PDB file of N, CA and C in Angstrom:
ATOM      1  N   UNK A   1       9.696  -4.479  -2.979  1.00  0.00           N
ATOM      2  CA  UNK A   1       9.442  -2.914  -2.269  1.00  0.00           C
ATOM      3  C   UNK A   1       7.707  -3.075  -2.456  1.00  0.00           C
ATOM      4  N   UNK A   2       7.911  -2.927  -0.991  1.00  0.00           N
ATOM      5  CA  UNK A   2       6.626  -2.797  -1.185  1.00  0.00           C
ATOM      6  C   UNK A   2       5.930  -1.437   0.556  1.00  0.00           C
ATOM      7  N   UNK A   3       5.161  -0.369   0.365  1.00  0.00           N
ATOM      8  CA  UNK A   3       5.302   0.680   1.170  1.00  0.00           C
ATOM      9  C   UNK A   3       4.079   0.927   1.631  1.00  0.00           C
ATOM     10  N   UNK A   4       4.009   0.496   3.084  1.00  0.00           N
ATOM     11  CA  UNK A   4       1.873   0.656   3.829  1.00  0.00           C
ATOM     12  C   UNK A   4       2.359   2.094   4.085  1.00  0.00           C
ATOM     13  N   UNK A   5       0.858   3.032   3.265  1.00  0.00           N
ATOM     14  CA  UNK A   5       1.127   4.088   4.371  1.00  0.00           C
ATOM     15  C   UNK A   5      -0.869   4.728   5.209  1.00  0.00           C
ATOM     16  N   UNK A   6      -0.837   4.809   6.275  1.00  0.00           N
ATOM     17  CA  UNK A   6      -1.916   5.830   6.149  1.00  0.00           C
ATOM     18  C   UNK A   6      -2.018   7.328   6.529  1.00  0.00           C
ATOM     19  N   UNK A   7      -1.803   6.786   4.640  1.00  0.00           N
ATOM     20  CA  UNK A   7      -2.986   7.873   3.981  1.00  0.00           C
ATOM     21  C   UNK A   7      -3.168   7.750   2.551  1.00  0.00           C
ATOM     22  N   UNK A   8      -3.453   8.442   2.315  1.00  0.00           N
ATOM     23  CA  UNK A   8      -3.394   8.470   0.250  1.00  0.00           C
ATOM     24  C   UNK A   8      -1.916   7.789  -0.250  1.00  0.00           C
ATOM     25  N   UNK A   9      -2.244   6.850  -1.012  1.00  0.00           N
ATOM     26  CA  UNK A   9      -1.917   5.788  -1.683  1.00  0.00           C
ATOM     27  C   UNK A   9      -1.085   7.023  -2.946  1.00  0.00           C
ATOM     28  N   UNK A  10      -1.937   7.669  -3.503  1.00  0.00           N
ATOM     29  CA  UNK A  10      -1.764   8.536  -4.336  1.00  0.00           C
ATOM     30  C   UNK A  10      -1.397   9.240  -4.034  1.00  0.00           C
ATOM     31  N   UNK A  11       0.163   9.713  -4.343  1.00  0.00           N
ATOM     32  CA  UNK A  11       0.767  11.086  -4.222  1.00  0.00           C
ATOM     33  C   UNK A  11       1.784  11.523  -3.188  1.00  0.00           C
ATOM     34  N   UNK A  12       1.761   9.890  -2.225  1.00  0.00           N
ATOM     35  CA  UNK A  12       1.902   9.702  -0.978  1.00  0.00           C
ATOM     36  C   UNK A  12       3.321   9.498  -0.857  1.00  0.00           C
ATOM     37  N   UNK A  13       3.737   9.115   0.143  1.00  0.00           N
ATOM     38  CA  UNK A  13       5.552   8.519   0.253  1.00  0.00           C
ATOM     39  C   UNK A  13       5.208   7.454  -0.671  1.00  0.00           C
ATOM     40  N   UNK A  14       4.398   5.750  -0.739  1.00  0.00           N
ATOM     41  CA  UNK A  14       4.434   5.533  -1.944  1.00  0.00           C
ATOM     42  C   UNK A  14       5.513   5.678  -3.192  1.00  0.00           C
ATOM     43  N   UNK A  15       4.210   6.743  -3.709  1.00  0.00           N
ATOM     44  CA  UNK A  15       4.796   7.448  -5.218  1.00  0.00           C
ATOM     45  C   UNK A  15       6.056   8.210  -5.344  1.00  0.00           C
ATOM     46  N   UNK A  16       6.793   8.469  -3.981  1.00  0.00           N
ATOM     47  CA  UNK A  16       8.063   9.400  -3.828  1.00  0.00           C
ATOM     48  C   UNK A  16       8.661   8.014  -3.861  1.00  0.00           C
ATOM     49  N   UNK A  17       8.686   6.838  -3.439  1.00  0.00           N
ATOM     50  CA  UNK A  17       9.518   5.933  -3.592  1.00  0.00           C
ATOM     51  C   UNK A  17       9.688   5.627  -5.270  1.00  0.00           C
ATOM     52  N   UNK A  18       8.236   5.471  -5.308  1.00  0.00           N
ATOM     53  CA  UNK A  18       7.834   4.753  -6.891  1.00  0.00           C
ATOM     54  C   UNK A  18       9.210   5.575  -8.304  1.00  0.00           C
ATOM     55  N   UNK A  19       8.827   7.015  -8.115  1.00  0.00           N
ATOM     56  CA  UNK A  19       9.851   8.170  -8.899  1.00  0.00           C
ATOM     57  C   UNK A  19      11.184   7.371  -8.044  1.00  0.00           C
ATOM     58  N   UNK A  20      11.595   7.124  -7.252  1.00  0.00           N
ATOM     59  CA  UNK A  20      12.668   6.763  -7.215  1.00  0.00           C
ATOM     60  C   UNK A  20      13.787   5.970  -7.699  1.00  0.00           C
ATOM     61  N   UNK A  21      12.431   5.055  -7.565  1.00  0.00           N
ATOM     62  CA  UNK A  21      12.991   4.070  -8.027  1.00  0.00           C
ATOM     63  C   UNK A  21      12.902   3.565 -10.286  1.00  0.00           C
ATOM     64  N   UNK A  22      11.892   4.492 -10.125  1.00  0.00           N
ATOM     65  CA  UNK A  22      12.511   4.189 -11.532  1.00  0.00           C
ATOM     66  C   UNK A  22      13.317   5.370 -12.294  1.00  0.00           C
ATOM     67  N   UNK A  23      13.595   6.813 -11.638  1.00  0.00           N
ATOM     68  CA  UNK A  23      14.862   7.791 -12.101  1.00  0.00           C
ATOM     69  C   UNK A  23      15.812   7.072 -12.372  1.00  0.00           C
ATOM     70  N   UNK A  24      16.028   5.938 -10.789  1.00  0.00           N
ATOM     71  CA  UNK A  24      16.753   5.730 -10.999  1.00  0.00           C
ATOM     72  C   UNK A  24      17.389   3.460 -11.240  1.00  0.00           C
ATOM     73  N   UNK A  25      16.251   3.360 -12.220  1.00  0.00           N
ATOM     74  CA  UNK A  25      16.705   2.693 -12.953  1.00  0.00           C
ATOM     75  C   UNK A  25      16.606   1.086 -12.491  1.00  0.00           C
ATOM     76  N   UNK A  26      15.907   1.335 -11.221  1.00  0.00           N
ATOM     77  CA  UNK A  26      15.463  -0.469 -10.485  1.00  0.00           C
ATOM     78  C   UNK A  26      14.344  -0.998 -11.197  1.00  0.00           C
ATOM     79  N   UNK A  27      14.710  -2.107 -11.180  1.00  0.00           N
ATOM     80  CA  UNK A  27      13.508  -2.877 -12.276  1.00  0.00           C
ATOM     81  C   UNK A  27      12.763  -4.210 -10.863  1.00  0.00           C
ATOM     82  N   UNK A  28      13.069  -4.000  -9.509  1.00  0.00           N
ATOM     83  CA  UNK A  28      12.619  -4.279  -8.650  1.00  0.00           C
ATOM     84  C   UNK A  28      11.099  -4.146  -9.213  1.00  0.00           C
ATOM     85  N   UNK A  29       9.439  -5.348  -8.506  1.00  0.00           N
ATOM     86  CA  UNK A  29       8.424  -4.652  -8.393  1.00  0.00           C
ATOM     87  C   UNK A  29       8.020  -3.966  -7.684  1.00  0.00           C
ATOM     88  N   UNK A  30       7.426  -3.632  -7.521  1.00  0.00           N
ATOM     89  CA  UNK A  30       6.574  -2.185  -6.063  1.00  0.00           C
ATOM     90  C   UNK A  30       4.915  -2.703  -5.996  1.00  0.00           C
ATOM     91  N   UNK A  31       4.865  -2.561  -4.263  1.00  0.00           N
ATOM     92  CA  UNK A  31       3.038  -2.681  -3.749  1.00  0.00           C
ATOM     93  C   UNK A  31       2.712  -1.812  -2.714  1.00  0.00           C
ATOM     94  N   UNK A  32       2.182  -0.299  -3.675  1.00  0.00           N
ATOM     95  CA  UNK A  32       1.812   0.345  -2.402  1.00  0.00           C
ATOM     96  C   UNK A  32       0.478  -0.077  -1.767  1.00  0.00           C
ATOM     97  N   UNK A  33       0.378   0.399  -0.542  1.00  0.00           N
ATOM     98  CA  UNK A  33      -0.701  -0.449   0.747  1.00  0.00           C
ATOM     99  C   UNK A  33      -0.972   1.684   0.643  1.00  0.00           C
ATOM    100  N   UNK A  34      -1.856   1.733   0.320  1.00  0.00           N
ATOM    101  CA  UNK A  34      -2.300   3.144   1.116  1.00  0.00           C
ATOM    102  C   UNK A  34      -4.202   3.603   1.182  1.00  0.00           C
ATOM    103  N   UNK A  35      -4.236   3.876   1.151  1.00  0.00           N
ATOM    104  CA  UNK A  35      -5.898   4.602   1.411  1.00  0.00           C
ATOM    105  C   UNK A  35      -6.739   4.838   0.364  1.00  0.00           C
ATOM    106  N   UNK A  36      -7.282   4.490  -0.425  1.00  0.00           N
ATOM    107  CA  UNK A  36      -7.797   4.011  -1.703  1.00  0.00           C
ATOM    108  C   UNK A  36      -8.055   6.244  -2.091  1.00  0.00           C
ATOM    109  N   UNK A  37      -7.839   5.682  -3.262  1.00  0.00           N
ATOM    110  CA  UNK A  37      -8.251   7.978  -3.914  1.00  0.00           C
ATOM    111  C   UNK A  37      -9.996   8.420  -4.409  1.00  0.00           C
ATOM    112  N   UNK A  38     -10.384   7.614  -3.085  1.00  0.00           N
ATOM    113  CA  UNK A  38     -12.354   7.476  -2.617  1.00  0.00           C
ATOM    114  C   UNK A  38     -12.879   7.691  -1.687  1.00  0.00           C
ATOM    115  N   UNK A  39     -14.106   7.581  -2.151  1.00  0.00           N
ATOM    116  CA  UNK A  39     -14.502   7.800  -0.313  1.00  0.00           C
ATOM    117  C   UNK A  39     -14.594   6.404   0.047  1.00  0.00           C
ATOM    118  N   UNK A  40     -13.810   6.795   1.410  1.00  0.00           N
ATOM    119  CA  UNK A  40     -14.081   5.115   2.424  1.00  0.00           C
ATOM    120  C   UNK A  40     -15.082   5.801   3.970  1.00  0.00           C
ATOM    121  N   UNK A  41     -15.464   4.813   4.308  1.00  0.00           N
ATOM    122  CA  UNK A  41     -17.027   4.927   4.870  1.00  0.00           C
ATOM    123  C   UNK A  41     -16.098   5.236   6.080  1.00  0.00           C
ATOM    124  N   UNK A  42     -17.159   5.296   6.912  1.00  0.00           N
ATOM    125  CA  UNK A  42     -16.935   5.925   8.694  1.00  0.00           C
ATOM    126  C   UNK A  42     -16.787   5.059   9.298  1.00  0.00           C
ATOM    127  N   UNK A  43     -16.269   4.336  10.014  1.00  0.00           N
ATOM    128  CA  UNK A  43     -15.778   3.336  11.526  1.00  0.00           C
ATOM    129  C   UNK A  43     -14.704   3.237  12.150  1.00  0.00           C
ATOM    130  N   UNK A  44     -14.497   3.183  13.147  1.00  0.00           N
ATOM    131  CA  UNK A  44     -13.416   3.403  14.282  1.00  0.00           C
ATOM    132  C   UNK A  44     -12.194   2.536  13.187  1.00  0.00           C
ATOM    133  N   UNK A  45     -11.199   2.589  13.015  1.00  0.00           N
ATOM    134  CA  UNK A  45      -9.483   3.174  12.830  1.00  0.00           C
ATOM    135  C   UNK A  45      -9.578   1.531  12.095  1.00  0.00           C
ATOM    136  N   UNK A  46      -9.614   0.756  13.558  1.00  0.00           N
ATOM    137  CA  UNK A  46      -9.705  -0.976  12.513  1.00  0.00           C
ATOM    138  C   UNK A  46     -10.063  -1.308  11.235  1.00  0.00           C
ATOM    139  N   UNK A  47     -11.611  -0.884  11.617  1.00  0.00           N
ATOM    140  CA  UNK A  47     -12.432  -0.851  10.218  1.00  0.00           C
ATOM    141  C   UNK A  47     -12.262  -0.119   9.323  1.00  0.00           C
ATOM    142  N   UNK A  48     -11.671   0.861   9.166  1.00  0.00           N
ATOM    143  CA  UNK A  48     -11.128   1.974   7.771  1.00  0.00           C
ATOM    144  C   UNK A  48      -9.779   0.997   7.615  1.00  0.00           C
ATOM    145  N   UNK A  49      -9.640   1.035   8.753  1.00  0.00           N
ATOM    146  CA  UNK A  49      -7.565  -0.125   7.551  1.00  0.00           C
ATOM    147  C   UNK A  49      -8.063  -1.344   6.698  1.00  0.00           C
ATOM    148  N   UNK A  50      -9.109  -2.121   7.445  1.00  0.00           N
ATOM    149  CA  UNK A  50      -9.446  -2.768   6.777  1.00  0.00           C
ATOM    150  C   UNK A  50      -9.865  -2.392   6.165  1.00  0.00           C
ATOM    151  N   UNK A  51     -10.982  -1.659   5.569  1.00  0.00           N
ATOM    152  CA  UNK A  51     -11.581  -1.402   4.488  1.00  0.00           C
ATOM    153  C   UNK A  51     -10.464  -1.001   3.161  1.00  0.00           C
ATOM    154  N   UNK A  52      -9.327  -0.450   4.026  1.00  0.00           N
ATOM    155  CA  UNK A  52      -8.263   0.427   2.789  1.00  0.00           C
ATOM    156  C   UNK A  52      -7.075  -0.684   2.013  1.00  0.00           C
ATOM    157  N   UNK A  53      -7.754  -2.566   3.141  1.00  0.00           N
ATOM    158  CA  UNK A  53      -6.768  -3.114   2.690  1.00  0.00           C
ATOM    159  C   UNK A  53      -5.181  -2.976   3.517  1.00  0.00           C
ATOM    160  N   UNK A  54      -5.033  -1.969   4.358  1.00  0.00           N
ATOM    161  CA  UNK A  54      -3.525  -1.199   5.201  1.00  0.00           C
ATOM    162  C   UNK A  54      -3.980  -2.078   6.228  1.00  0.00           C
ATOM    163  N   UNK A  55      -4.824  -3.115   6.981  1.00  0.00           N
ATOM    164  CA  UNK A  55      -4.423  -3.900   7.831  1.00  0.00           C
ATOM    165  C   UNK A  55      -3.829  -5.142   8.333  1.00  0.00           C
ATOM    166  N   UNK A  56      -3.117  -5.670   9.699  1.00  0.00           N
ATOM    167  CA  UNK A  56      -2.460  -5.973   9.138  1.00  0.00           C
ATOM    168  C   UNK A  56      -2.880  -7.921   8.217  1.00  0.00           C
ATOM    169  N   UNK A  57      -4.224  -7.805   8.844  1.00  0.00           N
ATOM    170  CA  UNK A  57      -4.965  -9.053   7.729  1.00  0.00           C
ATOM    171  C   UNK A  57      -4.006  -8.688   6.056  1.00  0.00           C
ATOM    172  N   UNK A  58      -5.027  -8.252   5.606  1.00  0.00           N
ATOM    173  CA  UNK A  58      -4.529  -7.676   3.914  1.00  0.00           C
ATOM    174  C   UNK A  58      -3.285  -8.121   3.770  1.00  0.00           C
ATOM    175  N   UNK A  59      -2.210  -7.170   4.516  1.00  0.00           N
ATOM    176  CA  UNK A  59      -0.741  -7.344   3.810  1.00  0.00           C
ATOM    177  C   UNK A  59       0.249  -8.721   4.232  1.00  0.00           C
ATOM    178  N   UNK A  60      -0.667  -9.230   5.643  1.00  0.00           N
ATOM    179  CA  UNK A  60      -0.004 -10.492   5.659  1.00  0.00           C
ATOM    180  C   UNK A  60      -0.788 -11.121   4.698  1.00  0.00           C
ATOM    181  N   UNK A  61      -1.784 -11.517   4.164  1.00  0.00           N
ATOM    182  CA  UNK A  61      -1.961 -12.106   3.233  1.00  0.00           C
ATOM    183  C   UNK A  61      -1.362 -11.436   1.585  1.00  0.00           C
ATOM    184  N   UNK A  62      -1.390 -10.443   1.347  1.00  0.00           N
ATOM    185  CA  UNK A  62      -0.603 -10.813   0.447  1.00  0.00           C
ATOM    186  C   UNK A  62       0.955 -11.004   0.403  1.00  0.00           C
ATOM    187  N   UNK A  63       1.498 -10.492   1.637  1.00  0.00           N
ATOM    188  CA  UNK A  63       3.566 -11.089   1.375  1.00  0.00           C
ATOM    189  C   UNK A  63       3.212 -12.532   1.102  1.00  0.00           C
ATOM    190  N   UNK A  64       2.447 -13.560   1.804  1.00  0.00           N
ATOM    191  CA  UNK A  64       1.605 -14.269   1.379  1.00  0.00           C
ATOM    192  C   UNK A  64       1.504 -15.096   0.205  1.00  0.00           C
ATOM    193  N   UNK A  65       0.842 -14.308  -0.113  1.00  0.00           N
ATOM    194  CA  UNK A  65       1.041 -14.613  -1.879  1.00  0.00           C
ATOM    195  C   UNK A  65       2.234 -14.804  -2.945  1.00  0.00           C
ATOM    196  N   UNK A  66       2.755 -13.905  -2.416  1.00  0.00           N
ATOM    197  CA  UNK A  66       3.807 -13.603  -2.952  1.00  0.00           C
ATOM    198  C   UNK A  66       5.355 -14.685  -2.795  1.00  0.00           C
ATOM    199  N   UNK A  67       5.117 -14.871  -1.366  1.00  0.00           N
ATOM    200  CA  UNK A  67       6.336 -16.355  -1.198  1.00  0.00           C
ATOM    201  C   UNK A  67       5.474 -18.242  -1.554  1.00  0.00           C
ATOM    202  N   UNK A  68       4.589 -17.584  -1.684  1.00  0.00           N
ATOM    203  CA  UNK A  68       4.062 -18.788  -1.784  1.00  0.00           C
ATOM    204  C   UNK A  68       4.413 -18.909  -3.616  1.00  0.00           C
ATOM    205  N   UNK A  69       4.607 -17.486  -4.739  1.00  0.00           N
ATOM    206  CA  UNK A  69       5.167 -17.526  -6.166  1.00  0.00           C
ATOM    207  C   UNK A  69       6.530 -18.689  -6.810  1.00  0.00           C
TER     208      UNK A  69
END
């Protein structure tokens, strides 16, 4: 499972998915992409997404690593 959100990774949509998977005994792995719980520098939307790792390049690289394993 992979979730991507343009907001805080902690306590967001991904956390709700994690809770659902746990409560229903799913054993699949889960990767949460979202804004980190730390200071995020100012910039354009593209720059901030790249910093947070929620841009197309970061997500694509992560998925390519999963596929290659």
